N, C-alpha and C. Protein backbone atom coordinates (compact mmCIF):
# COMPACT_ATOMS: atom_id res chain seq x y z
N UNK A 1 -10.03 14.02 9.30
CA UNK A 1 -9.05 15.11 9.51
C UNK A 1 -8.87 15.39 8.47
N UNK A 2 -8.59 17.03 8.70
CA UNK A 2 -7.93 18.17 7.27
C UNK A 2 -6.72 17.08 6.56
N UNK A 3 -5.65 17.12 7.57
CA UNK A 3 -4.30 17.15 7.27
C UNK A 3 -3.63 15.93 7.80
N UNK A 4 -2.64 14.64 7.35
CA UNK A 4 -2.00 13.82 7.65
C UNK A 4 -0.63 14.10 7.40
N UNK A 5 -0.01 14.22 8.47
CA UNK A 5 1.66 14.40 8.49
C UNK A 5 2.20 12.80 8.71
N UNK A 6 2.90 12.48 7.32
CA UNK A 6 3.62 11.66 7.61
C UNK A 6 5.16 11.63 8.37
N UNK A 7 5.74 10.87 8.65
CA UNK A 7 7.31 10.89 8.98
C UNK A 7 7.89 9.93 8.97
N UNK A 8 9.15 9.54 9.37
CA UNK A 8 9.56 7.96 8.83
C UNK A 8 9.16 7.54 10.25
N UNK A 9 9.75 7.29 11.48
CA UNK A 9 9.17 6.87 12.62
C UNK A 9 9.45 7.57 13.64
N UNK A 10 8.63 7.32 14.92
CA UNK A 10 8.50 7.98 16.30
C UNK A 10 10.51 8.19 16.62
N UNK A 11 10.37 8.86 17.39
CA UNK A 11 12.04 9.08 17.60
C UNK A 11 11.72 8.87 19.16
N UNK A 12 13.07 8.55 19.87
CA UNK A 12 13.15 8.51 20.96
C UNK A 12 12.39 9.28 21.93
N UNK A 13 11.99 11.08 22.09
CA UNK A 13 10.89 11.48 22.63
C UNK A 13 9.97 11.27 22.33
N UNK A 14 9.34 11.12 21.20
CA UNK A 14 7.94 10.51 20.94
C UNK A 14 8.00 9.13 21.58
N UNK A 15 8.63 8.10 21.55
CA UNK A 15 8.90 6.82 22.64
C UNK A 15 8.65 7.07 23.58
N UNK A 16 9.27 8.01 24.46
CA UNK A 16 9.13 8.43 25.90
C UNK A 16 7.44 8.79 26.12
N UNK A 17 7.37 9.69 25.26
CA UNK A 17 6.02 10.64 25.72
C UNK A 17 4.52 10.08 25.31
N UNK A 18 4.79 9.20 24.14
CA UNK A 18 3.53 8.63 23.48
C UNK A 18 2.62 9.03 22.43
N UNK A 19 3.53 10.62 22.56
CA UNK A 19 2.81 11.22 21.72
C UNK A 19 3.69 11.53 20.47
N UNK A 20 3.23 12.00 19.28
CA UNK A 20 3.95 11.86 17.86
C UNK A 20 4.29 13.50 17.66
N UNK A 21 5.42 13.94 17.30
CA UNK A 21 6.22 15.19 16.36
C UNK A 21 6.48 16.02 18.03
N UNK A 22 6.88 15.36 19.04
CA UNK A 22 6.85 16.23 20.23
C UNK A 22 8.77 16.31 20.21
N UNK A 23 9.85 16.14 19.99
CA UNK A 23 10.96 16.02 19.88
C UNK A 23 11.69 17.41 19.03
N UNK A 24 12.74 18.00 19.11
CA UNK A 24 13.48 18.95 17.81
C UNK A 24 12.56 19.01 16.86
N UNK A 25 12.52 17.55 16.04
CA UNK A 25 12.49 17.70 14.47
C UNK A 25 10.53 17.80 14.46
N UNK A 26 10.02 17.73 15.25
CA UNK A 26 8.65 18.11 15.82
C UNK A 26 8.27 19.08 16.04
N UNK A 27 8.89 20.24 17.01
CA UNK A 27 9.16 21.09 17.37
C UNK A 27 9.09 21.86 16.01
N UNK A 28 10.05 21.50 15.44
CA UNK A 28 10.13 22.09 13.84
C UNK A 28 9.43 22.44 12.89
N UNK A 29 8.62 21.13 12.53
CA UNK A 29 7.53 20.83 11.70
C UNK A 29 6.31 21.87 11.92
N UNK A 30 5.93 21.48 13.61
CA UNK A 30 5.03 22.35 14.22
C UNK A 30 5.45 23.77 13.95
N UNK A 31 6.52 24.63 14.16
CA UNK A 31 6.76 25.78 13.52
C UNK A 31 6.33 26.05 12.54
N UNK A 32 6.69 25.11 11.64
CA UNK A 32 6.52 25.62 9.74
C UNK A 32 5.27 24.85 9.41
N UNK A 33 4.26 24.64 10.14
CA UNK A 33 3.03 24.83 10.02
C UNK A 33 2.11 26.26 10.65
N UNK A 34 3.07 26.16 12.11
CA UNK A 34 2.52 27.69 12.21
C UNK A 34 2.79 28.94 11.26
N UNK A 35 3.43 28.60 10.61
CA UNK A 35 4.00 29.64 9.44
C UNK A 35 2.66 30.13 8.56
N UNK A 36 2.63 28.73 8.30
CA UNK A 36 1.43 28.49 7.14
C UNK A 36 -0.04 28.61 7.21
N UNK A 37 -0.36 28.81 8.99
CA UNK A 37 -1.35 29.15 9.13
C UNK A 37 -2.09 28.08 10.23
N UNK A 38 -1.67 27.23 9.98
CA UNK A 38 -2.25 26.10 11.73
C UNK A 38 -1.20 26.84 12.44
N UNK A 39 -1.92 27.09 13.70
CA UNK A 39 -1.44 27.55 14.96
C UNK A 39 -0.80 26.35 16.02
N UNK A 40 0.23 26.53 16.64
CA UNK A 40 0.61 25.37 17.59
C UNK A 40 -0.47 24.98 18.34
N UNK A 41 -1.26 25.66 18.94
CA UNK A 41 -2.51 25.37 20.15
C UNK A 41 -3.80 24.46 19.07
N UNK A 42 -3.15 24.83 17.78
CA UNK A 42 -4.44 23.72 16.97
C UNK A 42 -4.25 22.93 16.31
N UNK A 43 -2.71 22.66 15.78
CA UNK A 43 -1.94 21.56 15.19
C UNK A 43 -2.52 20.22 15.15
N UNK A 44 -2.71 19.30 16.47
CA UNK A 44 -3.20 18.65 17.05
C UNK A 44 -4.74 17.81 16.82
N UNK A 45 -5.55 19.25 16.71
CA UNK A 45 -6.27 19.29 16.36
C UNK A 45 -7.01 19.24 14.61
N UNK A 46 -6.15 19.65 14.03
CA UNK A 46 -6.16 19.96 12.28
C UNK A 46 -5.45 18.95 11.61
N UNK A 47 -4.09 18.36 12.24
CA UNK A 47 -2.76 17.20 11.55
C UNK A 47 -2.87 16.27 12.40
N UNK A 48 -3.59 15.06 11.39
CA UNK A 48 -3.15 13.91 12.02
C UNK A 48 -1.53 13.23 11.79
N UNK A 49 -0.96 13.36 12.89
CA UNK A 49 0.31 12.45 12.73
C UNK A 49 0.58 11.29 12.95
N UNK A 50 1.90 10.87 11.73
CA UNK A 50 2.15 9.50 11.77
C UNK A 50 3.40 9.01 11.19
N UNK A 51 3.34 7.79 10.99
CA UNK A 51 4.65 7.85 10.45
C UNK A 51 4.25 6.47 9.63
N UNK A 52 5.61 6.05 8.92
CA UNK A 52 5.79 4.54 7.96
C UNK A 52 5.74 3.58 8.92
N UNK A 53 6.55 3.74 9.78
CA UNK A 53 6.79 2.96 10.97
C UNK A 53 6.38 3.20 12.38
N UNK A 54 5.65 2.26 12.96
CA UNK A 54 4.94 2.53 14.47
C UNK A 54 5.66 2.53 15.33
N UNK A 55 6.92 1.94 15.81
CA UNK A 55 7.46 1.92 16.99
C UNK A 55 9.00 2.58 16.47
N UNK A 56 9.38 2.77 17.70
CA UNK A 56 10.56 3.42 17.85
C UNK A 56 11.62 2.45 17.69
N UNK A 57 12.35 2.97 16.22
CA UNK A 57 13.48 1.57 15.76
C UNK A 57 14.89 1.73 16.88
N UNK A 58 14.96 2.40 17.93
CA UNK A 58 16.15 2.20 18.91
C UNK A 58 17.26 3.29 18.18
N UNK A 59 18.26 3.21 19.12
CA UNK A 59 19.11 3.76 19.09
C UNK A 59 20.72 3.76 18.62
N UNK A 60 21.81 4.21 18.33
CA UNK A 60 22.87 3.88 18.24
C UNK A 60 23.74 4.36 18.45
N UNK A 61 24.98 3.79 19.07
CA UNK A 61 26.02 4.99 19.88
C UNK A 61 26.90 5.33 19.03
N UNK A 62 26.91 6.59 19.10
CA UNK A 62 27.42 8.08 18.16
C UNK A 62 29.08 8.17 18.77
N UNK A 63 29.87 7.26 18.15
CA UNK A 63 31.46 7.40 19.07
C UNK A 63 31.97 8.04 18.76
N UNK A 64 32.17 8.76 17.51
CA UNK A 64 32.93 10.19 16.92
C UNK A 64 32.34 11.10 16.66
N UNK A 65 31.31 11.38 16.54
CA UNK A 65 30.53 12.86 16.03
C UNK A 65 29.90 13.28 17.38
N UNK A 66 30.22 13.22 18.30
CA UNK A 66 30.28 14.38 19.29
C UNK A 66 28.91 14.05 19.84
N UNK A 67 27.77 13.05 18.98
CA UNK A 67 26.23 13.76 19.66
C UNK A 67 26.21 12.23 20.13
N UNK A 68 25.49 12.26 20.83
CA UNK A 68 24.85 10.81 22.52
C UNK A 68 25.07 9.83 21.51
N UNK A 69 23.51 10.22 20.72
CA UNK A 69 23.06 9.11 19.89
C UNK A 69 22.41 9.30 18.48
N UNK A 70 21.77 8.50 17.76
CA UNK A 70 21.46 8.85 16.42
C UNK A 70 20.02 7.54 16.22
N UNK A 71 19.10 7.79 16.03
CA UNK A 71 18.19 6.88 15.28
C UNK A 71 18.50 5.99 14.61
N UNK A 72 18.27 4.56 14.64
CA UNK A 72 18.34 3.46 13.77
C UNK A 72 17.23 3.72 12.58
N UNK A 73 18.42 3.17 11.12
CA UNK A 73 17.16 3.45 10.39
C UNK A 73 16.24 2.22 10.24
N UNK A 74 14.88 2.34 9.66
CA UNK A 74 13.55 1.09 9.87
C UNK A 74 14.72 0.47 9.38
N UNK A 75 14.40 -0.84 9.42
CA UNK A 75 14.54 -2.29 8.19
C UNK A 75 13.73 -2.25 7.69
N UNK A 76 13.79 -3.01 6.47
CA UNK A 76 12.95 -3.37 5.26
C UNK A 76 12.15 -4.44 6.14
N UNK A 77 11.80 -4.76 6.90
CA UNK A 77 11.47 -6.15 7.73
C UNK A 77 10.58 -4.96 8.72
N UNK A 78 11.07 -3.94 9.43
CA UNK A 78 10.05 -3.18 9.88
C UNK A 78 8.66 -2.44 8.80
N UNK A 79 9.35 -1.63 7.78
CA UNK A 79 8.57 -1.53 6.80
C UNK A 79 7.48 -2.44 6.38
N UNK A 80 8.11 -3.53 6.03
CA UNK A 80 6.85 -4.67 5.23
C UNK A 80 5.99 -4.93 6.87
N UNK A 81 6.66 -5.10 7.77
CA UNK A 81 5.36 -4.96 9.13
C UNK A 81 4.42 -4.24 9.11
N UNK A 82 4.89 -2.94 9.23
CA UNK A 82 4.09 -2.16 9.63
C UNK A 82 2.91 -1.10 8.44
N UNK A 83 3.08 -1.75 7.23
CA UNK A 83 2.75 -1.42 5.90
C UNK A 83 0.92 -1.71 6.02
N UNK A 84 0.68 -2.58 6.68
CA UNK A 84 -1.07 -2.48 6.98
C UNK A 84 -1.52 -1.54 7.55
N UNK A 85 -0.56 -1.16 9.14
CA UNK A 85 -1.28 -0.17 9.46
C UNK A 85 -0.94 0.99 8.84
N UNK A 86 0.01 1.70 8.62
CA UNK A 86 0.23 2.68 7.81
C UNK A 86 -1.30 3.00 6.74
N UNK A 87 -1.36 1.90 5.61
CA UNK A 87 -2.13 2.04 5.09
C UNK A 87 -3.98 2.30 5.68
N UNK A 88 -4.02 1.27 6.86
CA UNK A 88 -5.25 1.14 7.50
C UNK A 88 -5.66 2.95 8.20
N UNK A 89 -4.20 3.64 8.01
CA UNK A 89 -4.36 5.03 9.14
C UNK A 89 -4.68 5.93 7.72
N UNK A 90 -4.00 5.89 6.44
CA UNK A 90 -4.78 6.66 6.10
C UNK A 90 -5.78 6.66 5.84
N UNK A 91 -6.31 5.59 5.57
CA UNK A 91 -8.34 4.94 5.20
C UNK A 91 -9.31 5.53 6.07
N UNK A 92 -8.58 5.33 7.51
CA UNK A 92 -9.66 5.99 8.68
C UNK A 92 -9.50 7.45 8.73
N UNK A 93 -7.98 8.27 8.25
CA UNK A 93 -7.78 9.73 8.95
C UNK A 93 -8.78 10.68 7.38
N UNK A 94 -8.86 9.62 6.29
CA UNK A 94 -9.20 10.14 5.20
C UNK A 94 -8.90 11.56 5.07
N UNK A 95 -7.56 12.23 4.89
CA UNK A 95 -7.02 13.29 4.99
C UNK A 95 -7.39 14.04 3.50
N UNK A 96 -7.56 15.43 3.47
CA UNK A 96 -7.76 16.03 2.34
C UNK A 96 -6.51 16.35 1.79
N UNK A 97 -5.33 16.34 2.67
CA UNK A 97 -3.89 16.87 2.40
C UNK A 97 -3.20 16.05 2.94
N UNK A 98 -2.11 15.18 2.11
CA UNK A 98 -1.76 14.35 2.57
C UNK A 98 0.01 14.88 2.73
N UNK A 99 0.97 15.02 3.86
CA UNK A 99 2.12 15.58 3.68
C UNK A 99 3.26 14.38 3.68
N UNK A 100 4.07 13.90 3.22
CA UNK A 100 5.18 13.28 3.32
C UNK A 100 6.18 14.34 3.58
N UNK A 101 6.68 13.74 5.01
CA UNK A 101 8.35 14.28 5.32
C UNK A 101 9.38 13.58 5.44
N UNK A 102 9.86 13.46 4.07
CA UNK A 102 11.20 12.97 4.05
C UNK A 102 10.91 11.58 2.90
N UNK A 103 12.52 11.25 3.17
CA UNK A 103 12.38 10.05 1.75
C UNK A 103 12.16 8.83 2.07
N UNK A 104 11.70 8.51 3.40
CA UNK A 104 11.08 6.89 3.24
C UNK A 104 9.63 7.15 3.60
N UNK A 105 8.66 8.14 4.18
CA UNK A 105 7.52 8.12 3.49
C UNK A 105 7.07 8.44 2.39
N UNK A 106 7.97 8.74 1.90
CA UNK A 106 8.02 9.27 -0.09
C UNK A 106 7.90 7.66 -0.88
N UNK A 107 8.94 7.27 -0.24
CA UNK A 107 8.76 5.79 -0.88
C UNK A 107 7.98 5.04 -0.69
N UNK A 108 6.93 5.09 0.73
CA UNK A 108 5.60 4.32 1.50
C UNK A 108 5.03 4.98 0.20
N UNK A 109 4.61 5.79 -0.13
CA UNK A 109 3.66 6.89 -0.86
C UNK A 109 3.76 6.23 -2.43
N UNK A 110 5.18 6.17 -2.63
CA UNK A 110 5.41 6.05 -4.20
C UNK A 110 4.75 4.05 -4.23
N UNK A 111 4.90 3.40 -3.30
CA UNK A 111 4.81 1.75 -3.38
C UNK A 111 2.87 2.12 -3.48
N UNK A 112 2.71 2.54 -2.40
CA UNK A 112 1.20 3.15 -2.53
C UNK A 112 0.41 3.24 -3.51
N UNK A 113 1.10 3.97 -4.37
CA UNK A 113 0.55 4.55 -5.67
C UNK A 113 1.06 3.46 -6.81
N UNK A 114 1.38 2.59 -6.64
CA UNK A 114 2.01 1.47 -7.80
C UNK A 114 3.17 2.00 -8.24
N UNK A 115 3.88 2.58 -7.41
CA UNK A 115 5.23 3.31 -8.37
C UNK A 115 6.84 2.25 -7.45
N UNK A 116 7.71 2.65 -8.17
CA UNK A 116 8.76 1.85 -7.72
C UNK A 116 9.64 3.24 -6.79
N UNK A 117 9.99 2.45 -5.27
CA UNK A 117 10.47 3.34 -4.43
C UNK A 117 11.78 3.81 -5.11
N UNK A 118 12.48 3.04 -5.97
CA UNK A 118 13.53 3.28 -6.60
C UNK A 118 13.74 4.81 -6.89
N UNK A 119 12.17 5.00 -7.28
CA UNK A 119 12.13 7.23 -7.79
C UNK A 119 12.16 7.75 -7.16
N UNK A 120 12.20 7.40 -5.97
CA UNK A 120 12.18 8.70 -4.46
C UNK A 120 13.38 9.46 -4.28
N UNK A 121 13.85 9.84 -5.18
CA UNK A 121 14.63 11.40 -5.35
C UNK A 121 13.51 12.17 -4.52
N UNK A 122 14.27 12.69 -3.28
CA UNK A 122 13.88 14.30 -2.92
C UNK A 122 13.46 15.62 -3.74
N UNK A 123 14.57 15.94 -4.55
CA UNK A 123 14.78 16.88 -5.54
C UNK A 123 13.59 16.72 -6.96
N UNK A 124 13.30 15.57 -7.06
CA UNK A 124 12.06 15.14 -7.77
C UNK A 124 10.94 15.53 -7.64
N UNK A 125 10.61 15.49 -6.53
CA UNK A 125 9.05 15.41 -5.49
C UNK A 125 9.51 16.76 -4.79
N UNK A 126 9.91 17.46 -4.06
CA UNK A 126 9.62 18.67 -2.98
C UNK A 126 9.84 19.51 -4.39
N UNK A 127 8.45 20.21 -3.65
CA UNK A 127 8.34 21.62 -5.11
C UNK A 127 7.24 21.26 -5.22
N UNK A 128 6.61 19.92 -5.07
CA UNK A 128 5.58 19.59 -6.41
C UNK A 128 4.42 18.94 -5.60
N UNK A 129 3.11 18.70 -6.49
CA UNK A 129 2.46 18.44 -5.54
C UNK A 129 1.18 16.99 -6.33
N UNK A 130 0.87 16.54 -6.05
CA UNK A 130 -0.11 15.41 -6.75
C UNK A 130 -1.75 15.22 -5.87
N UNK A 131 -2.49 15.00 -7.22
CA UNK A 131 -3.69 14.48 -6.51
C UNK A 131 -3.57 13.21 -6.53
N UNK A 132 -4.15 12.67 -5.28
CA UNK A 132 -4.41 11.18 -5.28
C UNK A 132 -5.76 10.61 -4.42
N UNK A 133 -6.61 10.03 -5.10
CA UNK A 133 -7.65 9.36 -4.69
C UNK A 133 -8.12 10.47 -3.81
N UNK A 134 -8.45 12.21 -4.66
CA UNK A 134 -9.39 13.20 -4.02
C UNK A 134 -8.19 13.69 -2.90
N UNK A 135 -7.39 13.48 -3.01
CA UNK A 135 -6.35 14.41 -1.87
C UNK A 135 -5.27 14.67 -2.36
N UNK A 136 -4.48 15.65 -1.44
CA UNK A 136 -3.64 16.39 -2.60
C UNK A 136 -2.44 15.95 -1.95
N UNK A 137 -1.28 15.34 -2.27
CA UNK A 137 -0.17 15.22 -1.75
C UNK A 137 1.22 16.17 -1.64
N UNK A 138 1.31 16.37 -0.71
CA UNK A 138 2.88 17.67 -0.80
C UNK A 138 3.48 16.65 -0.47
N UNK A 139 4.81 16.88 -0.98
CA UNK A 139 6.01 16.71 -0.63
C UNK A 139 7.46 17.29 0.07
N UNK A 140 7.71 17.26 1.49
CA UNK A 140 8.69 17.62 2.29
C UNK A 140 10.05 16.78 2.63
N UNK A 141 10.97 17.51 2.64
CA UNK A 141 12.07 17.27 3.06
C UNK A 141 12.15 16.27 4.46
N UNK A 142 12.91 15.68 4.91
CA UNK A 142 12.70 15.30 6.93
C UNK A 142 13.14 17.10 7.02
N UNK A 143 12.98 17.66 7.97
CA UNK A 143 13.43 19.12 8.57
C UNK A 143 14.54 18.96 9.97
N UNK A 144 14.81 17.47 10.73
CA UNK A 144 15.85 17.29 11.62
C UNK A 144 17.11 17.91 10.97
N UNK A 145 17.54 18.33 11.88
CA UNK A 145 18.94 18.43 11.41
C UNK A 145 19.99 17.36 11.41
N UNK A 146 19.62 16.42 11.29
CA UNK A 146 20.30 14.98 10.94
C UNK A 146 20.42 15.17 9.45
N UNK A 147 19.32 15.55 8.88
CA UNK A 147 19.13 15.28 7.22
C UNK A 147 20.54 16.82 6.95
N UNK A 148 20.93 16.24 6.01
CA UNK A 148 21.64 17.60 5.48
C UNK A 148 21.73 17.69 3.81
N UNK A 149 19.89 17.23 3.41
CA UNK A 149 19.58 17.62 2.16
C UNK A 149 18.99 19.29 1.78
N UNK A 150 18.76 19.40 3.23
CA UNK A 150 18.29 21.03 2.92
C UNK A 150 20.02 22.69 3.34
N UNK A 151 21.33 21.59 3.50
CA UNK A 151 22.32 22.33 3.04
C UNK A 151 22.56 23.10 1.32
N UNK A 152 21.67 22.38 0.48
CA UNK A 152 22.25 23.06 -0.53
C UNK A 152 21.03 24.05 -1.29
N UNK A 153 21.77 25.16 -1.51
CA UNK A 153 20.71 25.70 -1.84
C UNK A 153 19.70 26.17 -2.74
N UNK A 154 19.37 24.82 -3.75
CA UNK A 154 18.65 24.37 -4.42
C UNK A 154 17.56 23.72 -3.73
N UNK A 155 17.96 22.91 -3.12
CA UNK A 155 17.29 22.02 -2.04
C UNK A 155 16.02 22.97 -1.55
N UNK A 156 16.81 23.88 -0.64
CA UNK A 156 16.11 24.97 0.21
C UNK A 156 14.86 25.76 -0.47
N UNK A 157 15.60 26.13 -1.92
CA UNK A 157 14.35 26.70 -2.68
C UNK A 157 13.10 25.70 -2.86
N UNK A 158 13.80 24.68 -3.59
CA UNK A 158 12.40 23.64 -3.48
C UNK A 158 11.45 23.60 -2.40
N UNK A 159 12.47 23.55 -1.00
CA UNK A 159 11.51 23.02 0.37
C UNK A 159 10.75 24.50 0.33
N UNK A 160 11.35 25.98 -0.56
CA UNK A 160 10.11 27.10 -0.24
C UNK A 160 9.04 26.84 -0.68
N UNK A 161 9.41 26.40 -2.06
CA UNK A 161 7.91 25.74 -3.13
C UNK A 161 6.98 25.13 -2.48
N UNK A 162 7.65 24.18 -2.06
CA UNK A 162 6.74 23.05 -1.26
C UNK A 162 5.92 23.89 -0.56
N UNK A 163 6.64 24.61 0.72
CA UNK A 163 5.92 25.10 1.67
C UNK A 163 4.84 26.12 1.17
N UNK A 164 5.04 27.07 0.40
CA UNK A 164 4.03 27.83 -0.72
C UNK A 164 2.92 26.60 -1.02
N UNK A 165 3.35 26.23 -1.85
CA UNK A 165 2.43 24.51 -1.99
C UNK A 165 0.98 24.48 -1.26
N UNK A 166 1.98 23.82 0.20
CA UNK A 166 0.75 23.28 1.31
C UNK A 166 0.41 24.57 1.57
N UNK A 167 0.63 25.71 1.86
CA UNK A 167 0.02 26.70 1.97
C UNK A 167 -1.46 27.20 1.56
N UNK A 168 -0.92 27.08 0.26
CA UNK A 168 -2.14 27.30 -1.10
C UNK A 168 -3.06 26.35 -0.87
N UNK A 169 -3.14 25.18 -0.51
CA UNK A 169 -3.71 24.13 -0.23
C UNK A 169 -4.77 24.02 0.86
N UNK A 170 -3.58 24.51 1.55
CA UNK A 170 -4.36 24.76 3.03
C UNK A 170 -5.75 26.07 3.02
N UNK A 171 -5.35 26.84 2.58
CA UNK A 171 -6.28 27.78 2.39
C UNK A 171 -7.34 27.78 1.26
N UNK A 172 -6.85 27.05 0.24
CA UNK A 172 -8.40 26.88 -0.59
C UNK A 172 -9.13 25.72 -0.23
N UNK A 173 -8.71 25.20 1.08
CA UNK A 173 -9.72 23.82 1.88
C UNK A 173 -10.17 24.49 3.04
N UNK A 174 -9.53 25.60 2.90
CA UNK A 174 -10.13 26.53 4.41
C UNK A 174 -9.62 25.91 5.89
N UNK A 175 -8.43 25.33 5.75
CA UNK A 175 -7.48 24.70 6.79
C UNK A 175 -7.14 25.64 7.61
N UNK A 176 -6.70 26.74 7.38
CA UNK A 176 -5.86 27.45 7.85
C UNK A 176 -6.65 28.26 8.55
N UNK A 177 -6.46 29.02 9.67
CA UNK A 177 -6.88 29.81 10.83
C UNK A 177 -6.55 31.11 10.39
N UNK A 178 -5.03 31.40 10.17
CA UNK A 178 -4.57 32.50 9.93
C UNK A 178 -4.92 33.04 8.37
């Protein structure tokens, strides 16, 4: 598979449909990939969608924010339980390019490379790329509306850099269509 996109966990929409990256955040990332040369019509063909956590972690009621619900953050136990499956997916998909989407996938990647999860500060990684076992890893922030990381102008600039890196990588490897 040319590209592997790694999110945190399936959301409610993904849980209900059984398909990855179908909710608002998923549509947003599909739009970003379309801007980078991967048409929405070919996204599922060119991008293997995965998550560190393999099941929907659940929702918590939002009493004060006006929202109906918010996803529960995956527990350390969920992360440990899913780790072998996550590692297996990377081996089987054998992506040329791996894109982490947010803090939890960044932590999981660092663990796979023998580093400490405590090093996982998005501002240190977004806008950078690494070579890992012959594949390129590009770091994205989470693109959901729940994340406030992109509210900062410096962080938005880092994200623009990350998108430019990914686009260059896709072009270099002949993955983009446009």
